[in-house]
Amino acid sequence: ARWSAIDRGTGVKAYQVRVGRAPVGKPIRSWKVRARSQATSATFSVP
């Protein structure tokens, strides 16, 4: 996944990503929040 942001004031400092998984056809019931970082992409496992 890839992401970006625009800030016209003091500039972007960090991002925070949250990830949710559920069986196909089922709603996402919980999210796992990752630590803040400056990364603009990440690879995720998908069972």
All heavy atoms as atom14 arrays in JSON, in Angstrom:
{
  "sequence": "ARWSAIDRGTGVKAYQVRVGRAPVGKPIRSWKVRARSQATSATFSVP",
  "atom14_mask": [
    [1, 1, 1, 1, 1, 0, 0, 0, 0, 0, 0, 0, 0, 0],
    [1, 1, 1, 1, 1, 1, 1, 1, 1, 1, 1, 0, 0, 0],
    [1, 1, 1, 1, 1, 1, 1, 1, 1, 1, 1, 1, 1, 1],
    [1, 1, 1, 1, 1, 1, 0, 0, 0, 0, 0, 0, 0, 0],
    [1, 1, 1, 1, 1, 0, 0, 0, 0, 0, 0, 0, 0, 0],
    [1, 1, 1, 1, 1, 1, 1, 1, 0, 0, 0, 0, 0, 0],
    [1, 1, 1, 1, 1, 1, 1, 1, 0, 0, 0, 0, 0, 0],
    [1, 1, 1, 1, 1, 1, 1, 1, 1, 1, 1, 0, 0, 0],
    [1, 1, 1, 1, 0, 0, 0, 0, 0, 0, 0, 0, 0, 0],
    [1, 1, 1, 1, 1, 1, 1, 0, 0, 0, 0, 0, 0, 0],
    [1, 1, 1, 1, 0, 0, 0, 0, 0, 0, 0, 0, 0, 0],
    [1, 1, 1, 1, 1, 1, 1, 0, 0, 0, 0, 0, 0, 0],
    [1, 1, 1, 1, 1, 1, 1, 1, 1, 0, 0, 0, 0, 0],
    [1, 1, 1, 1, 1, 0, 0, 0, 0, 0, 0, 0, 0, 0],
    [1, 1, 1, 1, 1, 1, 1, 1, 1, 1, 1, 1, 0, 0],
    [1, 1, 1, 1, 1, 1, 1, 1, 1, 0, 0, 0, 0, 0],
    [1, 1, 1, 1, 1, 1, 1, 0, 0, 0, 0, 0, 0, 0],
    [1, 1, 1, 1, 1, 1, 1, 1, 1, 1, 1, 0, 0, 0],
    [1, 1, 1, 1, 1, 1, 1, 0, 0, 0, 0, 0, 0, 0],
    [1, 1, 1, 1, 0, 0, 0, 0, 0, 0, 0, 0, 0, 0],
    [1, 1, 1, 1, 1, 1, 1, 1, 1, 1, 1, 0, 0, 0],
    [1, 1, 1, 1, 1, 0, 0, 0, 0, 0, 0, 0, 0, 0],
    [1, 1, 1, 1, 1, 1, 1, 0, 0, 0, 0, 0, 0, 0],
    [1, 1, 1, 1, 1, 1, 1, 0, 0, 0, 0, 0, 0, 0],
    [1, 1, 1, 1, 0, 0, 0, 0, 0, 0, 0, 0, 0, 0],
    [1, 1, 1, 1, 1, 1, 1, 1, 1, 0, 0, 0, 0, 0],
    [1, 1, 1, 1, 1, 1, 1, 0, 0, 0, 0, 0, 0, 0],
    [1, 1, 1, 1, 1, 1, 1, 1, 0, 0, 0, 0, 0, 0],
    [1, 1, 1, 1, 1, 1, 1, 1, 1, 1, 1, 0, 0, 0],
    [1, 1, 1, 1, 1, 1, 0, 0, 0, 0, 0, 0, 0, 0],
    [1, 1, 1, 1, 1, 1, 1, 1, 1, 1, 1, 1, 1, 1],
    [1, 1, 1, 1, 1, 1, 1, 1, 1, 0, 0, 0, 0, 0],
    [1, 1, 1, 1, 1, 1, 1, 0, 0, 0, 0, 0, 0, 0],
    [1, 1, 1, 1, 1, 1, 1, 1, 1, 1, 1, 0, 0, 0],
    [1, 1, 1, 1, 1, 0, 0, 0, 0, 0, 0, 0, 0, 0],
    [1, 1, 1, 1, 1, 1, 1, 1, 1, 1, 1, 0, 0, 0],
    [1, 1, 1, 1, 1, 1, 0, 0, 0, 0, 0, 0, 0, 0],
    [1, 1, 1, 1, 1, 1, 1, 1, 1, 0, 0, 0, 0, 0],
    [1, 1, 1, 1, 1, 0, 0, 0, 0, 0, 0, 0, 0, 0],
    [1, 1, 1, 1, 1, 1, 1, 0, 0, 0, 0, 0, 0, 0],
    [1, 1, 1, 1, 1, 1, 0, 0, 0, 0, 0, 0, 0, 0],
    [1, 1, 1, 1, 1, 0, 0, 0, 0, 0, 0, 0, 0, 0],
    [1, 1, 1, 1, 1, 1, 1, 0, 0, 0, 0, 0, 0, 0],
    [1, 1, 1, 1, 1, 1, 1, 1, 1, 1, 1, 0, 0, 0],
    [1, 1, 1, 1, 1, 1, 0, 0, 0, 0, 0, 0, 0, 0],
    [1, 1, 1, 1, 1, 1, 1, 0, 0, 0, 0, 0, 0, 0],
    [1, 1, 1, 1, 1, 1, 1, 0, 0, 0, 0, 0, 0, 0]
  ],
  "atom14_positions": [
    [[0.85, -1.2, 0.0], [0.0, 0.0, 0.0], [0.88, 1.25, 0.0], [1.99, 1.25, 0.56], [-0.9, 0.0, 1.23], [0.0, 0.0, 0.0], [0.0, 0.0, 0.0], [0.0, 0.0, 0.0], [0.0, 0.0, 0.0], [0.0, 0.0, 0.0], [0.0, 0.0, 0.0], [0.0, 0.0, 0.0], [0.0, 0.0, 0.0], [0.0, 0.0, 0.0]],
    [[0.39, 2.29, -0.64], [1.12, 3.57, -0.72], [0.2, 4.73, -0.31], [-1.0, 4.66, -0.57], [1.66, 3.78, -2.14], [2.72, 2.78, -2.53], [3.16, 2.98, -3.98], [4.27, 2.11, -4.34], [4.15, 0.84, -4.68], [2.92, 0.28, -4.72], [5.23, 0.13, -4.97], [0.0, 0.0, 0.0], [0.0, 0.0, 0.0], [0.0, 0.0, 0.0]],
    [[0.79, 5.75, 0.29], [0.02, 6.91, 0.73], [0.88, 8.17, 0.67], [2.11, 8.1, 0.53], [-0.5, 6.7, 2.15], [0.58, 6.33, 3.13], [1.41, 7.14, 3.81], [0.95, 5.0, 3.49], [2.27, 6.45, 4.59], [2.01, 5.12, 4.43], [0.5, 3.72, 3.15], [2.62, 4.0, 5.0], [1.1, 2.62, 3.73], [2.14, 2.75, 4.65]],
    [[0.23, 9.29, 0.78], [0.94, 10.59, 0.76], [0.07, 11.63, 1.45], [-1.1, 11.38, 1.77], [1.24, 11.02, -0.68], [0.02, 11.2, -1.4], [0.0, 0.0, 0.0], [0.0, 0.0, 0.0], [0.0, 0.0, 0.0], [0.0, 0.0, 0.0], [0.0, 0.0, 0.0], [0.0, 0.0, 0.0], [0.0, 0.0, 0.0], [0.0, 0.0, 0.0]],
    [[0.65, 12.8, 1.7], [-0.1, 13.9, 2.33], [0.48, 15.22, 1.87], [1.65, 15.32, 1.47], [-0.05, 13.8, 3.85], [0.0, 0.0, 0.0], [0.0, 0.0, 0.0], [0.0, 0.0, 0.0], [0.0, 0.0, 0.0], [0.0, 0.0, 0.0], [0.0, 0.0, 0.0], [0.0, 0.0, 0.0], [0.0, 0.0, 0.0], [0.0, 0.0, 0.0]],
    [[-0.36, 16.24, 1.94], [0.05, 17.61, 1.6], [-0.23, 18.49, 2.81], [-1.32, 18.44, 3.41], [-0.72, 18.13, 0.37], [-0.42, 17.29, -0.86], [-0.39, 19.6, 0.12], [-1.27, 17.66, -2.07], [0.0, 0.0, 0.0], [0.0, 0.0, 0.0], [0.0, 0.0, 0.0], [0.0, 0.0, 0.0], [0.0, 0.0, 0.0], [0.0, 0.0, 0.0]],
    [[0.75, 19.3, 3.22], [0.55, 20.28, 4.3], [1.15, 21.6, 3.85], [2.36, 21.69, 3.6], [1.2, 19.82, 5.6], [0.89, 20.75, 6.75], [-0.2, 20.6, 7.34], [1.71, 21.65, 7.05], [0.0, 0.0, 0.0], [0.0, 0.0, 0.0], [0.0, 0.0, 0.0], [0.0, 0.0, 0.0], [0.0, 0.0, 0.0], [0.0, 0.0, 0.0]],
    [[0.31, 22.63, 3.75], [0.76, 23.93, 3.25], [1.28, 24.84, 4.37], [1.62, 25.98, 4.12], [-0.36, 24.62, 2.49], [-0.87, 23.8, 1.3], [-1.85, 24.58, 0.46], [-2.37, 23.77, -0.64], [-1.71, 23.53, -1.77], [-0.51, 24.04, -1.96], [-2.26, 22.78, -2.72], [0.0, 0.0, 0.0], [0.0, 0.0, 0.0], [0.0, 0.0, 0.0]],
    [[1.29, 24.32, 5.59], [1.79, 25.12, 6.71], [3.22, 24.77, 7.05], [4.17, 25.19, 6.37], [0.0, 0.0, 0.0], [0.0, 0.0, 0.0], [0.0, 0.0, 0.0], [0.0, 0.0, 0.0], [0.0, 0.0, 0.0], [0.0, 0.0, 0.0], [0.0, 0.0, 0.0], [0.0, 0.0, 0.0], [0.0, 0.0, 0.0], [0.0, 0.0, 0.0]],
    [[3.39, 23.96, 8.06], [4.75, 23.65, 8.53], [5.31, 22.38, 7.92], [6.47, 22.05, 8.14], [4.73, 23.5, 10.07], [3.69, 22.59, 10.44], [4.47, 24.84, 10.73], [0.0, 0.0, 0.0], [0.0, 0.0, 0.0], [0.0, 0.0, 0.0], [0.0, 0.0, 0.0], [0.0, 0.0, 0.0], [0.0, 0.0, 0.0], [0.0, 0.0, 0.0]],
    [[4.5, 21.64, 7.16], [4.99, 20.44, 6.5], [4.64, 19.17, 7.25], [4.39, 19.17, 8.44], [0.0, 0.0, 0.0], [0.0, 0.0, 0.0], [0.0, 0.0, 0.0], [0.0, 0.0, 0.0], [0.0, 0.0, 0.0], [0.0, 0.0, 0.0], [0.0, 0.0, 0.0], [0.0, 0.0, 0.0], [0.0, 0.0, 0.0], [0.0, 0.0, 0.0]],
    [[4.64, 18.05, 6.48], [4.29, 16.75, 7.05], [5.47, 16.21, 7.85], [6.61, 16.19, 7.37], [3.89, 15.76, 5.95], [3.59, 14.39, 6.54], [2.69, 16.29, 5.16], [0.0, 0.0, 0.0], [0.0, 0.0, 0.0], [0.0, 0.0, 0.0], [0.0, 0.0, 0.0], [0.0, 0.0, 0.0], [0.0, 0.0, 0.0], [0.0, 0.0, 0.0]],
    [[5.18, 15.75, 9.06], [6.23, 15.2, 9.91], [6.17, 13.68, 9.96], [7.2, 13.0, 9.94], [6.1, 15.75, 11.32], [7.14, 15.2, 12.29], [6.97, 15.78, 13.68], [8.03, 15.23, 14.64], [7.88, 15.78, 16.0], [0.0, 0.0, 0.0], [0.0, 0.0, 0.0], [0.0, 0.0, 0.0], [0.0, 0.0, 0.0], [0.0, 0.0, 0.0]],
    [[4.97, 13.11, 10.07], [4.89, 11.66, 10.26], [3.53, 11.15, 9.79], [2.58, 11.93, 9.6], [5.11, 11.3, 11.72], [0.0, 0.0, 0.0], [0.0, 0.0, 0.0], [0.0, 0.0, 0.0], [0.0, 0.0, 0.0], [0.0, 0.0, 0.0], [0.0, 0.0, 0.0], [0.0, 0.0, 0.0], [0.0, 0.0, 0.0], [0.0, 0.0, 0.0]],
    [[3.48, 9.82, 9.62], [2.24, 9.13, 9.28], [1.97, 8.06, 10.34], [2.88, 7.59, 11.03], [2.35, 8.46, 7.91], [2.56, 9.4, 6.76], [3.84, 9.72, 6.32], [1.47, 9.96, 6.1], [4.03, 10.59, 5.26], [1.65, 10.83, 5.03], [2.94, 11.13, 4.61], [3.13, 11.99, 3.55], [0.0, 0.0, 0.0], [0.0, 0.0, 0.0]],
    [[0.71, 7.7, 10.4], [0.33, 6.57, 11.24], [-0.66, 5.72, 10.46], [-1.58, 6.25, 9.83], [-0.28, 7.05, 12.56], [-0.37, 5.96, 13.6], [-0.69, 6.51, 14.98], [-1.36, 7.54, 15.1], [-0.19, 5.86, 16.01], [0.0, 0.0, 0.0], [0.0, 0.0, 0.0], [0.0, 0.0, 0.0], [0.0, 0.0, 0.0], [0.0, 0.0, 0.0]],
    [[-0.42, 4.41, 10.47], [-1.2, 3.48, 9.67], [-1.97, 2.55, 10.62], [-1.44, 2.1, 11.64], [-0.29, 2.65, 8.75], [-1.13, 1.66, 7.93], [0.51, 3.55, 7.83], [0.0, 0.0, 0.0], [0.0, 0.0, 0.0], [0.0, 0.0, 0.0], [0.0, 0.0, 0.0], [0.0, 0.0, 0.0], [0.0, 0.0, 0.0], [0.0, 0.0, 0.0]],
    [[-3.19, 2.27, 10.26], [-3.94, 1.23, 10.97], [-4.4, 0.19, 9.95], [-4.74, 0.5, 8.82], [-5.11, 1.81, 11.75], [-6.18, 2.46, 10.92], [-7.31, 2.98, 11.8], [-8.4, 3.55, 10.99], [-9.55, 3.98, 11.49], [-9.77, 3.91, 12.8], [-10.48, 4.48, 10.7], [0.0, 0.0, 0.0], [0.0, 0.0, 0.0], [0.0, 0.0, 0.0]],
    [[-4.42, -1.05, 10.43], [-4.69, -2.17, 9.53], [-5.81, -3.02, 10.13], [-5.82, -3.3, 11.34], [-3.42, -3.04, 9.37], [-3.71, -4.2, 8.42], [-2.27, -2.2, 8.86], [0.0, 0.0, 0.0], [0.0, 0.0, 0.0], [0.0, 0.0, 0.0], [0.0, 0.0, 0.0], [0.0, 0.0, 0.0], [0.0, 0.0, 0.0], [0.0, 0.0, 0.0]],
    [[-6.75, -3.41, 9.29], [-7.83, -4.28, 9.72], [-7.93, -5.51, 8.83], [-7.75, -5.41, 7.61], [0.0, 0.0, 0.0], [0.0, 0.0, 0.0], [0.0, 0.0, 0.0], [0.0, 0.0, 0.0], [0.0, 0.0, 0.0], [0.0, 0.0, 0.0], [0.0, 0.0, 0.0], [0.0, 0.0, 0.0], [0.0, 0.0, 0.0], [0.0, 0.0, 0.0]],
    [[-8.21, -6.68, 9.43], [-8.35, -7.93, 8.67], [-9.63, -8.62, 9.12], [-9.98, -8.59, 10.29], [-7.16, -8.84, 8.88], [-5.84, -8.33, 8.28], [-4.71, -9.33, 8.52], [-3.47, -8.92, 7.87], [-2.55, -8.13, 8.43], [-2.77, -7.64, 9.66], [-1.46, -7.82, 7.77], [0.0, 0.0, 0.0], [0.0, 0.0, 0.0], [0.0, 0.0, 0.0]],
    [[-10.28, -9.3, 8.15], [-11.49, -10.07, 8.45], [-11.7, -11.08, 7.32], [-11.19, -10.9, 6.2], [-12.7, -9.15, 8.56], [0.0, 0.0, 0.0], [0.0, 0.0, 0.0], [0.0, 0.0, 0.0], [0.0, 0.0, 0.0], [0.0, 0.0, 0.0], [0.0, 0.0, 0.0], [0.0, 0.0, 0.0], [0.0, 0.0, 0.0], [0.0, 0.0, 0.0]],
    [[-12.45, -12.14, 7.57], [-12.78, -13.06, 6.48], [-13.51, -12.33, 5.37], [-14.25, -11.36, 5.61], [-13.68, -14.1, 7.15], [-13.29, -14.05, 8.6], [-12.97, -12.62, 8.87], [0.0, 0.0, 0.0], [0.0, 0.0, 0.0], [0.0, 0.0, 0.0], [0.0, 0.0, 0.0], [0.0, 0.0, 0.0], [0.0, 0.0, 0.0], [0.0, 0.0, 0.0]],
    [[-13.27, -12.74, 4.15], [-13.93, -12.09, 3.01], [-15.44, -12.12, 3.23], [-16.01, -13.16, 3.6], [-13.55, -12.8, 1.7], [-14.38, -12.25, 0.54], [-12.07, -12.64, 1.41], [0.0, 0.0, 0.0], [0.0, 0.0, 0.0], [0.0, 0.0, 0.0], [0.0, 0.0, 0.0], [0.0, 0.0, 0.0], [0.0, 0.0, 0.0], [0.0, 0.0, 0.0]],
    [[-16.08, -10.99, 3.03], [-17.52, -10.88, 3.2], [-17.96, -10.48, 4.6], [-19.14, -10.24, 4.83], [0.0, 0.0, 0.0], [0.0, 0.0, 0.0], [0.0, 0.0, 0.0], [0.0, 0.0, 0.0], [0.0, 0.0, 0.0], [0.0, 0.0, 0.0], [0.0, 0.0, 0.0], [0.0, 0.0, 0.0], [0.0, 0.0, 0.0], [0.0, 0.0, 0.0]],
    [[-16.98, -10.43, 5.54], [-17.29, -10.06, 6.91], [-16.78, -8.62, 7.18], [-15.78, -8.19, 6.59], [-16.64, -11.02, 7.9], [-17.08, -12.48, 7.74], [-18.55, -12.65, 8.11], [-18.94, -14.12, 8.05], [-20.37, -14.33, 8.4], [0.0, 0.0, 0.0], [0.0, 0.0, 0.0], [0.0, 0.0, 0.0], [0.0, 0.0, 0.0], [0.0, 0.0, 0.0]],
    [[-17.43, -7.87, 8.09], [-16.95, -6.52, 8.39], [-15.68, -6.53, 9.23], [-15.41, -7.48, 9.98], [-18.13, -5.92, 9.17], [-18.8, -7.1, 9.81], [-18.68, -8.23, 8.82], [0.0, 0.0, 0.0], [0.0, 0.0, 0.0], [0.0, 0.0, 0.0], [0.0, 0.0, 0.0], [0.0, 0.0, 0.0], [0.0, 0.0, 0.0], [0.0, 0.0, 0.0]],
    [[-14.91, -5.47, 9.09], [-13.72, -5.28, 9.93], [-14.18, -4.88, 11.33], [-14.84, -3.86, 11.52], [-12.78, -4.2, 9.35], [-12.37, -4.54, 7.91], [-11.57, -4.0, 10.25], [-11.48, -5.75, 7.81], [0.0, 0.0, 0.0], [0.0, 0.0, 0.0], [0.0, 0.0, 0.0], [0.0, 0.0, 0.0], [0.0, 0.0, 0.0], [0.0, 0.0, 0.0]],
    [[-13.82, -5.71, 12.33], [-14.29, -5.43, 13.69], [-13.22, -4.78, 14.57], [-13.53, -4.2, 15.61], [-14.79, -6.71, 14.34], [-15.99, -7.31, 13.62], [-16.61, -8.43, 14.43], [-17.76, -9.01, 13.75], [-18.98, -8.49, 13.76], [-19.21, -7.35, 14.41], [-19.97, -9.08, 13.11], [0.0, 0.0, 0.0], [0.0, 0.0, 0.0], [0.0, 0.0, 0.0]],
    [[-11.98, -4.83, 14.21], [-10.93, -4.21, 15.02], [-9.78, -3.77, 14.11], [-9.59, -4.34, 13.02], [-10.42, -5.17, 16.09], [-9.81, -6.31, 15.51], [0.0, 0.0, 0.0], [0.0, 0.0, 0.0], [0.0, 0.0, 0.0], [0.0, 0.0, 0.0], [0.0, 0.0, 0.0], [0.0, 0.0, 0.0], [0.0, 0.0, 0.0], [0.0, 0.0, 0.0]],
    [[-9.06, -2.8, 14.58], [-7.95, -2.24, 13.81], [-6.68, -2.32, 14.67], [-6.72, -2.09, 15.87], [-8.2, -0.78, 13.44], [-9.35, -0.57, 12.51], [-10.65, -0.47, 12.82], [-9.27, -0.45, 11.09], [-11.43, -0.28, 11.71], [-10.6, -0.26, 10.61], [-8.23, -0.49, 10.16], [-10.9, -0.11, 9.26], [-8.52, -0.32, 8.81], [-9.84, -0.14, 8.38]],
    [[-5.6, -2.59, 14.02], [-4.29, -2.56, 14.69], [-3.53, -1.34, 14.19], [-3.3, -1.19, 12.98], [-3.51, -3.83, 14.39], [-2.18, -3.89, 15.13], [-1.46, -5.22, 14.86], [-0.13, -5.25, 15.62], [0.59, -6.55, 15.38], [0.0, 0.0, 0.0], [0.0, 0.0, 0.0], [0.0, 0.0, 0.0], [0.0, 0.0, 0.0], [0.0, 0.0, 0.0]],
    [[-3.18, -0.44, 15.16], [-2.52, 0.81, 14.8], [-1.02, 0.64, 14.92], [-0.5, 0.21, 15.97], [-3.01, 1.96, 15.71], [-2.29, 3.27, 15.33], [-4.52, 2.13, 15.6], [0.0, 0.0, 0.0], [0.0, 0.0, 0.0], [0.0, 0.0, 0.0], [0.0, 0.0, 0.0], [0.0, 0.0, 0.0], [0.0, 0.0, 0.0], [0.0, 0.0, 0.0]],
    [[-0.31, 0.97, 13.88], [1.14, 0.88, 13.86], [1.78, 2.16, 14.4], [1.16, 3.22, 14.45], [1.64, 0.62, 12.44], [1.23, -0.74, 11.89], [1.92, -1.03, 10.59], [1.72, -2.41, 10.15], [2.37, -2.96, 9.14], [3.25, -2.23, 8.44], [2.15, -4.22, 8.81], [0.0, 0.0, 0.0], [0.0, 0.0, 0.0], [0.0, 0.0, 0.0]],
    [[3.01, 2.06, 14.8], [3.75, 3.21, 15.32], [3.9, 4.27, 14.23], [3.94, 3.96, 13.02], [5.11, 2.76, 15.82], [0.0, 0.0, 0.0], [0.0, 0.0, 0.0], [0.0, 0.0, 0.0], [0.0, 0.0, 0.0], [0.0, 0.0, 0.0], [0.0, 0.0, 0.0], [0.0, 0.0, 0.0], [0.0, 0.0, 0.0], [0.0, 0.0, 0.0]],
    [[4.03, 5.5, 14.68], [4.22, 6.6, 13.73], [5.57, 6.48, 13.05], [6.58, 6.09, 13.65], [4.14, 7.93, 14.46], [2.79, 8.18, 15.12], [2.81, 9.45, 15.95], [1.52, 9.64, 16.62], [1.25, 10.65, 17.45], [2.18, 11.56, 17.7], [0.07, 10.74, 18.01], [0.0, 0.0, 0.0], [0.0, 0.0, 0.0], [0.0, 0.0, 0.0]],
    [[5.6, 6.86, 11.76], [6.86, 6.84, 11.01], [6.74, 7.79, 9.83], [5.67, 8.34, 9.57], [7.17, 5.42, 10.52], [6.31, 5.07, 9.43], [0.0, 0.0, 0.0], [0.0, 0.0, 0.0], [0.0, 0.0, 0.0], [0.0, 0.0, 0.0], [0.0, 0.0, 0.0], [0.0, 0.0, 0.0], [0.0, 0.0, 0.0], [0.0, 0.0, 0.0]],
    [[7.85, 7.93, 9.12], [7.85, 8.79, 7.93], [7.68, 7.99, 6.65], [7.71, 8.56, 5.55], [9.17, 9.59, 7.88], [9.31, 10.58, 9.03], [10.62, 11.36, 8.96], [11.63, 10.87, 8.44], [10.59, 12.58, 9.46], [0.0, 0.0, 0.0], [0.0, 0.0, 0.0], [0.0, 0.0, 0.0], [0.0, 0.0, 0.0], [0.0, 0.0, 0.0]],
    [[7.48, 6.7, 6.79], [7.33, 5.85, 5.6], [6.05, 6.19, 4.84], [5.03, 6.55, 5.44], [7.3, 4.37, 6.02], [0.0, 0.0, 0.0], [0.0, 0.0, 0.0], [0.0, 0.0, 0.0], [0.0, 0.0, 0.0], [0.0, 0.0, 0.0], [0.0, 0.0, 0.0], [0.0, 0.0, 0.0], [0.0, 0.0, 0.0], [0.0, 0.0, 0.0]],
    [[6.11, 6.11, 3.53], [4.95, 6.4, 2.68], [4.44, 5.16, 1.96], [3.6, 5.27, 1.06], [5.3, 7.5, 1.66], [6.41, 7.05, 0.87], [5.62, 8.8, 2.35], [0.0, 0.0, 0.0], [0.0, 0.0, 0.0], [0.0, 0.0, 0.0], [0.0, 0.0, 0.0], [0.0, 0.0, 0.0], [0.0, 0.0, 0.0], [0.0, 0.0, 0.0]],
    [[4.95, 3.99, 2.37], [4.44, 2.73, 1.81], [4.81, 1.61, 2.77], [5.7, 1.76, 3.61], [5.01, 2.46, 0.42], [6.41, 2.23, 0.49], [0.0, 0.0, 0.0], [0.0, 0.0, 0.0], [0.0, 0.0, 0.0], [0.0, 0.0, 0.0], [0.0, 0.0, 0.0], [0.0, 0.0, 0.0], [0.0, 0.0, 0.0], [0.0, 0.0, 0.0]],
    [[4.1, 0.48, 2.61], [4.4, -0.69, 3.43], [3.81, -1.92, 2.76], [2.84, -1.84, 2.0], [3.84, -0.53, 4.83], [0.0, 0.0, 0.0], [0.0, 0.0, 0.0], [0.0, 0.0, 0.0], [0.0, 0.0, 0.0], [0.0, 0.0, 0.0], [0.0, 0.0, 0.0], [0.0, 0.0, 0.0], [0.0, 0.0, 0.0], [0.0, 0.0, 0.0]],
    [[4.42, -3.09, 3.03], [3.95, -4.36, 2.52], [3.21, -5.09, 3.64], [3.69, -5.15, 4.78], [5.11, -5.2, 2.02], [5.77, -4.51, 0.94], [4.63, -6.57, 1.51], [0.0, 0.0, 0.0], [0.0, 0.0, 0.0], [0.0, 0.0, 0.0], [0.0, 0.0, 0.0], [0.0, 0.0, 0.0], [0.0, 0.0, 0.0], [0.0, 0.0, 0.0]],
    [[2.04, -5.65, 3.32], [1.21, -6.31, 4.32], [0.94, -7.75, 3.91], [0.74, -8.04, 2.72], [-0.13, -5.57, 4.46], [0.03, -4.13, 4.83], [0.06, -3.14, 3.85], [0.16, -3.75, 6.16], [0.2, -1.82, 4.17], [0.31, -2.41, 6.5], [0.33, -1.44, 5.5], [0.0, 0.0, 0.0], [0.0, 0.0, 0.0], [0.0, 0.0, 0.0]],
    [[0.88, -8.63, 4.86], [0.53, -10.02, 4.58], [-0.99, -10.17, 4.5], [-1.71, -9.49, 5.24], [1.09, -10.96, 5.66], [0.51, -10.65, 6.92], [0.0, 0.0, 0.0], [0.0, 0.0, 0.0], [0.0, 0.0, 0.0], [0.0, 0.0, 0.0], [0.0, 0.0, 0.0], [0.0, 0.0, 0.0], [0.0, 0.0, 0.0], [0.0, 0.0, 0.0]],
    [[-1.44, -11.07, 3.59], [-2.88, -11.27, 3.41], [-3.13, -12.78, 3.37], [-2.83, -13.44, 2.35], [-3.4, -10.6, 2.13], [-4.93, -10.67, 2.09], [-2.92, -9.17, 2.0], [0.0, 0.0, 0.0], [0.0, 0.0, 0.0], [0.0, 0.0, 0.0], [0.0, 0.0, 0.0], [0.0, 0.0, 0.0], [0.0, 0.0, 0.0], [0.0, 0.0, 0.0]],
    [[-3.63, -13.38, 4.44], [-3.93, -14.82, 4.41], [-5.03, -15.11, 3.39], [-5.76, -14.23, 2.94], [-4.4, -15.1, 5.84], [-3.83, -13.98, 6.67], [-3.84, -12.79, 5.76], [0.0, 0.0, 0.0], [0.0, 0.0, 0.0], [0.0, 0.0, 0.0], [0.0, 0.0, 0.0], [0.0, 0.0, 0.0], [0.0, 0.0, 0.0], [0.0, 0.0, 0.0]]
  ]
}
